[in-house]
Amino acid sequence: MTALEPLLDVQLLHHPVTVIPFDPFPSPAGAECIFLGRTRMETHPVHGVLRRLSYEAYESMAINILNELARSSVHQHGTMAIRLHHALGEVPIGCASVLVQVVAGHRDMAFQSCRFLIDQLKSRAPVWKREVWADGTTWSQGIPVIPIHSKAVS
């Protein structure tokens, strides 16, 4: 008997993201873990009320990294389906900019995979967040991008 090929859905979308049911849902799976990162209402002491977030990315590199993370999660956590979607462009208050959706055999595997994917996405993917405030914009400090592979220069 051969194992089912995992379903990997990795996309950068030019609009806010939403949850999409896996159809068909992998029959051997017993757990689904979903993380949606939403733009929350905030007030900055200098810039005032947050109006929206805006995202930019080095798109080809981001897609490659997200696909590598998804494959790593399948290998490490035995996940059967993974959806990684990240918004580009404007994301209003209350809307979602990132979706991590994981299907696995058991809840622990699903939770571990979901946490691994969002943590690695935030630290490794070249996606930048600009905060649009009532009186201007700031760039989120974030975490510096860590290269996945380093190549020696000759």
C-alpha atoms as a PDB file:
ATOM      1  CA  MET A   1       0.000   0.000   0.000  1.00  0.00           C
ATOM      2  CA  THR A   2       1.388   3.441  -0.899  1.00  0.00           C
ATOM      3  CA  ALA A   3       0.956   6.597   1.142  1.00  0.00           C
ATOM      4  CA  LEU A   4      -1.238   9.347  -0.258  1.00  0.00           C
ATOM      5  CA  GLU A   5       0.626  12.233  -1.859  1.00  0.00           C
ATOM      6  CA  PRO A   6       0.263  15.287   0.421  1.00  0.00           C
ATOM      7  CA  LEU A   7      -1.742  18.224  -0.884  1.00  0.00           C
ATOM      8  CA  LEU A   8       0.324  21.430  -0.813  1.00  0.00           C
ATOM      9  CA  ASP A   9      -1.360  24.735  -1.657  1.00  0.00           C
ATOM     10  CA  VAL A  10       1.110  27.631  -1.396  1.00  0.00           C
ATOM     11  CA  GLN A  11       0.100  31.041  -2.740  1.00  0.00           C
ATOM     12  CA  LEU A  12       0.730  34.757  -2.495  1.00  0.00           C
ATOM     13  CA  LEU A  13      -2.572  36.535  -3.118  1.00  0.00           C
ATOM     14  CA  HIS A  14      -3.147  40.187  -3.977  1.00  0.00           C
ATOM     15  CA  HIS A  15      -6.031  40.464  -1.504  1.00  0.00           C
ATOM     16  CA  PRO A  16      -6.815  39.343   2.064  1.00  0.00           C
ATOM     17  CA  VAL A  17      -6.854  35.584   2.642  1.00  0.00           C
ATOM     18  CA  THR A  18      -9.700  33.343   3.803  1.00  0.00           C
ATOM     19  CA  VAL A  19     -10.082  29.753   4.971  1.00  0.00           C
ATOM     20  CA  ILE A  20     -10.926  27.301   2.194  1.00  0.00           C
ATOM     21  CA  PRO A  21     -12.140  23.806   3.092  1.00  0.00           C
ATOM     22  CA  PHE A  22     -10.023  20.934   1.784  1.00  0.00           C
ATOM     23  CA  ASP A  23     -12.265  19.046  -0.635  1.00  0.00           C
ATOM     24  CA  PRO A  24     -11.954  16.168  -0.587  1.00  0.00           C
ATOM     25  CA  PHE A  25     -10.689  16.028   2.984  1.00  0.00           C
ATOM     26  CA  PRO A  26      -7.978  13.349   3.335  1.00  0.00           C
ATOM     27  CA  SER A  27      -9.858  10.307   4.689  1.00  0.00           C
ATOM     28  CA  PRO A  28      -7.070   9.052   7.024  1.00  0.00           C
ATOM     29  CA  ALA A  29      -6.845  12.495   8.718  1.00  0.00           C
ATOM     30  CA  GLY A  30      -8.347  13.175  12.113  1.00  0.00           C
ATOM     31  CA  ALA A  31      -7.169  16.728  12.760  1.00  0.00           C
ATOM     32  CA  GLU A  32      -7.160  20.120  11.110  1.00  0.00           C
ATOM     33  CA  CYS A  33      -5.439  23.140  12.611  1.00  0.00           C
ATOM     34  CA  ILE A  34      -6.016  26.618  11.190  1.00  0.00           C
ATOM     35  CA  PHE A  35      -4.169  29.829  11.982  1.00  0.00           C
ATOM     36  CA  LEU A  36      -5.462  33.102  10.537  1.00  0.00           C
ATOM     37  CA  GLY A  37      -3.381  36.210  11.198  1.00  0.00           C
ATOM     38  CA  ARG A  38      -5.671  39.262  11.107  1.00  0.00           C
ATOM     39  CA  THR A  39      -5.029  42.996  11.083  1.00  0.00           C
ATOM     40  CA  ARG A  40      -6.008  44.208  14.534  1.00  0.00           C
ATOM     41  CA  MET A  41      -7.052  47.675  15.605  1.00  0.00           C
ATOM     42  CA  GLU A  42      -4.102  49.441  17.228  1.00  0.00           C
ATOM     43  CA  THR A  43      -3.201  52.947  18.298  1.00  0.00           C
ATOM     44  CA  HIS A  44       0.392  54.162  18.054  1.00  0.00           C
ATOM     45  CA  PRO A  45       1.464  56.779  20.637  1.00  0.00           C
ATOM     46  CA  VAL A  46       2.905  59.025  17.885  1.00  0.00           C
ATOM     47  CA  HIS A  47       1.093  58.067  14.657  1.00  0.00           C
ATOM     48  CA  GLY A  48      -2.456  57.524  15.920  1.00  0.00           C
ATOM     49  CA  VAL A  49      -4.905  54.866  14.789  1.00  0.00           C
ATOM     50  CA  LEU A  50      -3.867  52.025  12.476  1.00  0.00           C
ATOM     51  CA  ARG A  51      -5.810  52.248   9.191  1.00  0.00           C
ATOM     52  CA  ARG A  52      -4.523  49.090   7.439  1.00  0.00           C
ATOM     53  CA  LEU A  53      -1.461  46.977   6.728  1.00  0.00           C
ATOM     54  CA  SER A  54       0.221  46.649   3.367  1.00  0.00           C
ATOM     55  CA  TYR A  55       2.504  43.773   2.358  1.00  0.00           C
ATOM     56  CA  GLU A  56       5.271  43.467  -0.218  1.00  0.00           C
ATOM     57  CA  ALA A  57       7.377  40.417  -1.043  1.00  0.00           C
ATOM     58  CA  TYR A  58      10.209  39.108  -3.123  1.00  0.00           C
ATOM     59  CA  GLU A  59       7.569  36.879  -4.685  1.00  0.00           C
ATOM     60  CA  SER A  60       9.555  34.114  -6.413  1.00  0.00           C
ATOM     61  CA  MET A  61      11.819  33.638  -3.397  1.00  0.00           C
ATOM     62  CA  ALA A  62       8.862  33.718  -0.970  1.00  0.00           C
ATOM     63  CA  ILE A  63       7.001  31.020  -2.936  1.00  0.00           C
ATOM     64  CA  ASN A  64      10.124  28.832  -3.008  1.00  0.00           C
ATOM     65  CA  ILE A  65      10.619  29.197   0.737  1.00  0.00           C
ATOM     66  CA  LEU A  66       6.946  28.533   1.538  1.00  0.00           C
ATOM     67  CA  ASN A  67       7.013  25.386  -0.612  1.00  0.00           C
ATOM     68  CA  GLU A  68      10.187  24.217   1.129  1.00  0.00           C
ATOM     69  CA  LEU A  69       8.586  24.834   4.543  1.00  0.00           C
ATOM     70  CA  ALA A  70       5.482  22.871   3.510  1.00  0.00           C
ATOM     71  CA  ARG A  71       7.604  19.924   2.340  1.00  0.00           C
ATOM     72  CA  SER A  72       9.613  20.090   5.591  1.00  0.00           C
ATOM     73  CA  SER A  73       6.404  19.949   7.601  1.00  0.00           C
ATOM     74  CA  VAL A  74       5.202  16.896   5.682  1.00  0.00           C
ATOM     75  CA  HIS A  75       8.530  15.194   6.436  1.00  0.00           C
ATOM     76  CA  GLN A  76       8.769  16.263  10.106  1.00  0.00           C
ATOM     77  CA  HIS A  77       5.111  16.100  11.172  1.00  0.00           C
ATOM     78  CA  GLY A  78       3.492  13.670   8.747  1.00  0.00           C
ATOM     79  CA  THR A  79       0.987  16.257   7.555  1.00  0.00           C
ATOM     80  CA  MET A  80      -1.370  15.201   4.764  1.00  0.00           C
ATOM     81  CA  ALA A  81      -2.446  18.627   3.507  1.00  0.00           C
ATOM     82  CA  ILE A  82      -1.043  22.124   3.936  1.00  0.00           C
ATOM     83  CA  ARG A  83      -2.361  25.461   2.762  1.00  0.00           C
ATOM     84  CA  LEU A  84      -0.051  28.479   3.156  1.00  0.00           C
ATOM     85  CA  HIS A  85      -1.528  31.698   1.793  1.00  0.00           C
ATOM     86  CA  HIS A  86      -0.125  35.173   2.378  1.00  0.00           C
ATOM     87  CA  ALA A  87      -1.728  38.418   1.269  1.00  0.00           C
ATOM     88  CA  LEU A  88       0.143  41.068  -0.681  1.00  0.00           C
ATOM     89  CA  GLY A  89      -1.055  44.640  -0.940  1.00  0.00           C
ATOM     90  CA  GLU A  90      -3.549  46.212   1.443  1.00  0.00           C
ATOM     91  CA  VAL A  91      -5.182  44.292   4.304  1.00  0.00           C
ATOM     92  CA  PRO A  92      -7.840  46.298   6.198  1.00  0.00           C
ATOM     93  CA  ILE A  93      -8.592  46.050   9.915  1.00  0.00           C
ATOM     94  CA  GLY A  94     -10.302  42.723  10.701  1.00  0.00           C
ATOM     95  CA  CYS A  95      -9.141  41.005   7.511  1.00  0.00           C
ATOM     96  CA  ALA A  96      -6.541  38.227   7.350  1.00  0.00           C
ATOM     97  CA  SER A  97      -3.082  38.513   5.855  1.00  0.00           C
ATOM     98  CA  VAL A  98      -1.821  34.977   6.500  1.00  0.00           C
ATOM     99  CA  LEU A  99      -3.447  31.539   6.516  1.00  0.00           C
ATOM    100  CA  VAL A 100      -1.758  28.389   7.763  1.00  0.00           C
ATOM    101  CA  GLN A 101      -4.078  25.401   7.396  1.00  0.00           C
ATOM    102  CA  VAL A 102      -2.807  21.925   8.252  1.00  0.00           C
ATOM    103  CA  VAL A 103      -4.400  18.475   8.064  1.00  0.00           C
ATOM    104  CA  ALA A 104      -2.788  15.567   9.911  1.00  0.00           C
ATOM    105  CA  GLY A 105      -3.603  12.205  11.413  1.00  0.00           C
ATOM    106  CA  HIS A 106      -3.781  13.485  14.992  1.00  0.00           C
ATOM    107  CA  ARG A 107      -4.170  16.832  16.780  1.00  0.00           C
ATOM    108  CA  ASP A 108      -0.630  16.990  18.184  1.00  0.00           C
ATOM    109  CA  MET A 109       0.865  16.594  14.702  1.00  0.00           C
ATOM    110  CA  ALA A 110      -1.486  19.288  13.357  1.00  0.00           C
ATOM    111  CA  PHE A 111      -0.693  21.762  16.161  1.00  0.00           C
ATOM    112  CA  GLN A 112       3.068  21.181  15.853  1.00  0.00           C
ATOM    113  CA  SER A 113       2.971  21.608  12.094  1.00  0.00           C
ATOM    114  CA  CYS A 114       0.861  24.772  12.283  1.00  0.00           C
ATOM    115  CA  ARG A 115       3.205  26.388  14.821  1.00  0.00           C
ATOM    116  CA  PHE A 116       6.300  25.325  12.857  1.00  0.00           C
ATOM    117  CA  LEU A 117       4.883  26.797   9.645  1.00  0.00           C
ATOM    118  CA  ILE A 118       3.808  30.185  11.012  1.00  0.00           C
ATOM    119  CA  ASP A 119       7.023  30.629  13.009  1.00  0.00           C
ATOM    120  CA  GLN A 120       9.225  29.707  10.045  1.00  0.00           C
ATOM    121  CA  LEU A 121       7.162  31.770   7.605  1.00  0.00           C
ATOM    122  CA  LYS A 122       7.570  34.845   9.823  1.00  0.00           C
ATOM    123  CA  SER A 123      11.339  34.375  10.176  1.00  0.00           C
ATOM    124  CA  ARG A 124      12.306  33.097   6.716  1.00  0.00           C
ATOM    125  CA  ALA A 125       9.957  34.386   4.027  1.00  0.00           C
ATOM    126  CA  PRO A 126      10.902  37.683   2.356  1.00  0.00           C
ATOM    127  CA  VAL A 127       7.551  39.378   3.049  1.00  0.00           C
ATOM    128  CA  TRP A 128       7.534  42.923   4.448  1.00  0.00           C
ATOM    129  CA  LYS A 129       4.758  44.659   6.379  1.00  0.00           C
ATOM    130  CA  ARG A 130       4.047  48.380   6.162  1.00  0.00           C
ATOM    131  CA  GLU A 131       1.727  49.867   8.786  1.00  0.00           C
ATOM    132  CA  VAL A 132      -0.519  52.671   7.552  1.00  0.00           C
ATOM    133  CA  TRP A 133      -1.424  54.996  10.441  1.00  0.00           C
ATOM    134  CA  ALA A 134      -3.673  58.046  10.682  1.00  0.00           C
ATOM    135  CA  ASP A 135      -0.654  60.344  10.120  1.00  0.00           C
ATOM    136  CA  GLY A 136       1.760  58.304   8.015  1.00  0.00           C
ATOM    137  CA  THR A 137       3.400  54.914   7.598  1.00  0.00           C
ATOM    138  CA  THR A 138       6.000  52.789   9.336  1.00  0.00           C
ATOM    139  CA  TRP A 139       7.654  49.514   8.382  1.00  0.00           C
ATOM    140  CA  SER A 140       7.277  46.700  10.886  1.00  0.00           C
ATOM    141  CA  GLN A 141      10.597  45.777  12.462  1.00  0.00           C
ATOM    142  CA  GLY A 142      10.039  42.030  12.060  1.00  0.00           C
ATOM    143  CA  ILE A 143      12.786  39.449  12.010  1.00  0.00           C
ATOM    144  CA  PRO A 144      15.640  39.564   9.481  1.00  0.00           C
ATOM    145  CA  VAL A 145      15.262  36.978   6.715  1.00  0.00           C
ATOM    146  CA  ILE A 146      17.444  33.905   7.306  1.00  0.00           C
ATOM    147  CA  PRO A 147      18.709  32.266   4.120  1.00  0.00           C
ATOM    148  CA  ILE A 148      17.726  28.598   3.791  1.00  0.00           C
ATOM    149  CA  HIS A 149      20.719  27.607   1.682  1.00  0.00           C
ATOM    150  CA  SER A 150      24.021  29.383   1.552  1.00  0.00           C
ATOM    151  CA  LYS A 151      26.248  28.941  -1.467  1.00  0.00           C
ATOM    152  CA  ALA A 152      29.958  29.543  -1.471  1.00  0.00           C
ATOM    153  CA  VAL A 153      31.045  32.254  -3.856  1.00  0.00           C
ATOM    154  CA  SER A 154      34.017  31.331  -5.984  1.00  0.00           C
END
